[in-house]
Amino acid sequence: MKVEEAIKIYKEVRVLPTQCHINWLRENFNPILKGLNARMNINWACGSCIKSNMNMLMGWLDKKQENVK
């Protein structure tokens, strides 16, 4: 699954796809989040942390799509 697809699915249903296990999240989302804020402590273990991380990723994707247009 592509990063953009996972973010779009989360944006629609507020649930991560089952293919997005913890290692996949770390490998694919952590570099993006670190690029947005290098000092950020990324945690995928708590629900509010996931919501916060995904909100940042949705904003990142929106900006990325805006720049393409």
N, C-alpha and C. Protein backbone atom coordinates (compact mmCIF):
# COMPACT_ATOMS: atom_id res chain seq x y z
N MET A 1 0.84 -1.17 0.00
CA MET A 1 0.00 0.00 0.00
C MET A 1 0.88 1.24 0.00
N LYS A 2 0.47 2.23 -0.74
CA LYS A 2 1.21 3.48 -0.82
C LYS A 2 0.83 4.38 0.35
N VAL A 3 1.75 5.25 0.72
CA VAL A 3 1.55 6.17 1.82
C VAL A 3 0.32 7.04 1.58
N GLU A 4 0.21 7.59 0.38
CA GLU A 4 -0.91 8.47 0.06
C GLU A 4 -2.24 7.75 0.18
N GLU A 5 -2.29 6.48 -0.25
CA GLU A 5 -3.53 5.70 -0.15
C GLU A 5 -3.93 5.51 1.30
N ALA A 6 -2.97 5.17 2.14
CA ALA A 6 -3.26 4.95 3.56
C ALA A 6 -3.79 6.22 4.22
N ILE A 7 -3.20 7.34 3.89
CA ILE A 7 -3.65 8.62 4.48
C ILE A 7 -5.05 8.95 3.99
N LYS A 8 -5.33 8.75 2.72
CA LYS A 8 -6.67 9.03 2.18
C LYS A 8 -7.72 8.14 2.83
N ILE A 9 -7.41 6.87 3.03
CA ILE A 9 -8.36 5.96 3.69
C ILE A 9 -8.61 6.42 5.11
N TYR A 10 -7.54 6.78 5.82
CA TYR A 10 -7.71 7.27 7.19
C TYR A 10 -8.56 8.53 7.21
N LYS A 11 -8.35 9.40 6.25
CA LYS A 11 -9.10 10.66 6.19
C LYS A 11 -10.59 10.40 6.02
N GLU A 12 -10.93 9.37 5.27
CA GLU A 12 -12.34 9.06 5.01
C GLU A 12 -13.01 8.35 6.18
N VAL A 13 -12.35 7.36 6.77
CA VAL A 13 -13.01 6.52 7.78
C VAL A 13 -12.40 6.61 9.17
N ARG A 14 -11.32 7.38 9.33
CA ARG A 14 -10.63 7.56 10.62
C ARG A 14 -10.11 6.26 11.22
N VAL A 15 -9.78 5.32 10.35
CA VAL A 15 -9.18 4.06 10.77
C VAL A 15 -8.07 3.72 9.78
N LEU A 16 -6.94 3.26 10.29
CA LEU A 16 -5.85 2.85 9.40
C LEU A 16 -6.18 1.49 8.79
N PRO A 17 -5.81 1.30 7.53
CA PRO A 17 -6.02 -0.02 6.90
C PRO A 17 -5.23 -1.11 7.64
N THR A 18 -5.72 -2.33 7.57
CA THR A 18 -5.08 -3.44 8.29
C THR A 18 -3.67 -3.72 7.76
N GLN A 19 -3.38 -3.36 6.53
CA GLN A 19 -2.04 -3.56 5.98
C GLN A 19 -1.00 -2.67 6.65
N CYS A 20 -1.45 -1.65 7.35
CA CYS A 20 -0.55 -0.68 7.99
C CYS A 20 -0.22 -1.11 9.42
N HIS A 21 0.58 -2.14 9.54
CA HIS A 21 1.01 -2.60 10.86
C HIS A 21 2.07 -1.66 11.40
N ILE A 22 2.47 -1.85 12.64
CA ILE A 22 3.36 -0.91 13.32
C ILE A 22 4.69 -0.70 12.60
N ASN A 23 5.28 -1.75 12.06
CA ASN A 23 6.54 -1.59 11.34
C ASN A 23 6.35 -0.81 10.05
N TRP A 24 5.23 -1.02 9.39
CA TRP A 24 4.93 -0.27 8.16
C TRP A 24 4.78 1.21 8.50
N LEU A 25 4.08 1.51 9.59
CA LEU A 25 3.91 2.91 10.01
C LEU A 25 5.26 3.56 10.26
N ARG A 26 6.13 2.85 10.99
CA ARG A 26 7.45 3.39 11.31
C ARG A 26 8.29 3.61 10.05
N GLU A 27 8.27 2.66 9.16
CA GLU A 27 9.09 2.75 7.94
C GLU A 27 8.59 3.84 6.99
N ASN A 28 7.28 4.01 6.90
CA ASN A 28 6.72 4.91 5.89
C ASN A 28 6.31 6.28 6.41
N PHE A 29 5.77 6.34 7.62
CA PHE A 29 5.28 7.61 8.13
C PHE A 29 6.30 8.36 8.97
N ASN A 30 7.15 7.65 9.72
CA ASN A 30 8.12 8.35 10.57
C ASN A 30 9.04 9.29 9.80
N PRO A 31 9.57 8.91 8.62
CA PRO A 31 10.43 9.86 7.90
C PRO A 31 9.69 11.13 7.48
N ILE A 32 8.42 11.01 7.13
CA ILE A 32 7.63 12.19 6.75
C ILE A 32 7.43 13.08 7.98
N LEU A 33 7.04 12.47 9.09
CA LEU A 33 6.81 13.24 10.31
C LEU A 33 8.10 13.90 10.80
N LYS A 34 9.22 13.19 10.71
CA LYS A 34 10.51 13.77 11.11
C LYS A 34 10.89 14.92 10.18
N GLY A 35 10.49 14.83 8.91
CA GLY A 35 10.74 15.92 7.98
C GLY A 35 9.93 17.16 8.32
N LEU A 36 8.75 16.96 8.90
CA LEU A 36 7.91 18.08 9.30
C LEU A 36 8.41 18.71 10.60
N ASN A 37 8.89 17.86 11.52
CA ASN A 37 9.39 18.34 12.80
C ASN A 37 10.46 17.37 13.29
N ALA A 38 11.70 17.73 13.10
CA ALA A 38 12.82 16.84 13.42
C ALA A 38 12.92 16.51 14.91
N ARG A 39 12.40 17.36 15.77
CA ARG A 39 12.49 17.13 17.21
C ARG A 39 11.31 16.33 17.75
N MET A 40 10.41 15.95 16.88
CA MET A 40 9.19 15.26 17.28
C MET A 40 9.49 13.85 17.81
N ASN A 41 8.83 13.50 18.90
CA ASN A 41 8.92 12.15 19.45
C ASN A 41 7.69 11.39 18.93
N ILE A 42 7.90 10.43 18.03
CA ILE A 42 6.80 9.75 17.36
C ILE A 42 6.40 8.50 18.13
N ASN A 43 5.10 8.41 18.44
CA ASN A 43 4.58 7.28 19.19
C ASN A 43 3.34 6.75 18.45
N TRP A 44 3.34 5.47 18.16
CA TRP A 44 2.19 4.83 17.49
C TRP A 44 1.42 3.94 18.46
N ALA A 45 1.67 4.05 19.77
CA ALA A 45 1.07 3.14 20.74
C ALA A 45 -0.23 3.65 21.35
N CYS A 46 -0.47 4.95 21.34
CA CYS A 46 -1.69 5.46 21.97
C CYS A 46 -2.62 6.08 20.93
N GLY A 47 -3.89 6.02 21.20
CA GLY A 47 -4.89 6.51 20.26
C GLY A 47 -4.78 7.99 19.95
N SER A 48 -4.55 8.81 20.97
CA SER A 48 -4.45 10.25 20.72
C SER A 48 -3.18 10.59 19.94
N CYS A 49 -2.11 9.82 20.15
CA CYS A 49 -0.87 10.04 19.39
C CYS A 49 -1.09 9.70 17.92
N ILE A 50 -1.81 8.63 17.66
CA ILE A 50 -2.10 8.24 16.28
C ILE A 50 -2.94 9.33 15.61
N LYS A 51 -3.95 9.83 16.31
CA LYS A 51 -4.78 10.90 15.75
C LYS A 51 -3.95 12.13 15.42
N SER A 52 -3.08 12.50 16.34
CA SER A 52 -2.22 13.67 16.12
C SER A 52 -1.28 13.45 14.94
N ASN A 53 -0.64 12.28 14.90
CA ASN A 53 0.27 11.97 13.79
C ASN A 53 -0.47 11.97 12.46
N MET A 54 -1.65 11.37 12.44
CA MET A 54 -2.41 11.28 11.20
C MET A 54 -2.92 12.65 10.77
N ASN A 55 -3.26 13.52 11.71
CA ASN A 55 -3.66 14.89 11.34
C ASN A 55 -2.50 15.62 10.67
N MET A 56 -1.30 15.43 11.19
CA MET A 56 -0.13 16.04 10.56
C MET A 56 0.09 15.47 9.17
N LEU A 57 -0.09 14.16 9.01
CA LEU A 57 0.11 13.53 7.71
C LEU A 57 -0.97 13.95 6.71
N MET A 58 -2.20 14.13 7.17
CA MET A 58 -3.26 14.61 6.28
C MET A 58 -2.94 16.02 5.80
N GLY A 59 -2.43 16.87 6.69
CA GLY A 59 -2.01 18.21 6.30
C GLY A 59 -0.86 18.17 5.31
N TRP A 60 0.08 17.27 5.55
CA TRP A 60 1.22 17.10 4.63
C TRP A 60 0.73 16.69 3.24
N LEU A 61 -0.21 15.74 3.19
CA LEU A 61 -0.73 15.27 1.91
C LEU A 61 -1.50 16.37 1.20
N ASP A 62 -2.30 17.13 1.94
CA ASP A 62 -3.05 18.25 1.35
C ASP A 62 -2.09 19.26 0.72
N LYS A 63 -1.02 19.60 1.44
CA LYS A 63 -0.02 20.55 0.91
C LYS A 63 0.65 19.98 -0.33
N LYS A 64 0.98 18.69 -0.28
CA LYS A 64 1.65 18.04 -1.41
C LYS A 64 0.75 18.07 -2.64
N GLN A 65 -0.53 17.78 -2.48
CA GLN A 65 -1.46 17.77 -3.61
C GLN A 65 -1.71 19.20 -4.11
N GLU A 66 -1.68 20.17 -3.20
CA GLU A 66 -1.86 21.57 -3.57
C GLU A 66 -0.70 22.05 -4.44
N ASN A 67 0.51 21.63 -4.10
CA ASN A 67 1.70 22.02 -4.85
C ASN A 67 1.75 21.39 -6.23
N VAL A 68 1.11 20.23 -6.40
CA VAL A 68 1.10 19.54 -7.69
C VAL A 68 0.19 20.28 -8.67
N LYS A 69 -0.88 20.89 -8.16
CA LYS A 69 -1.86 21.56 -9.02
C LYS A 69 -1.34 22.80 -9.64
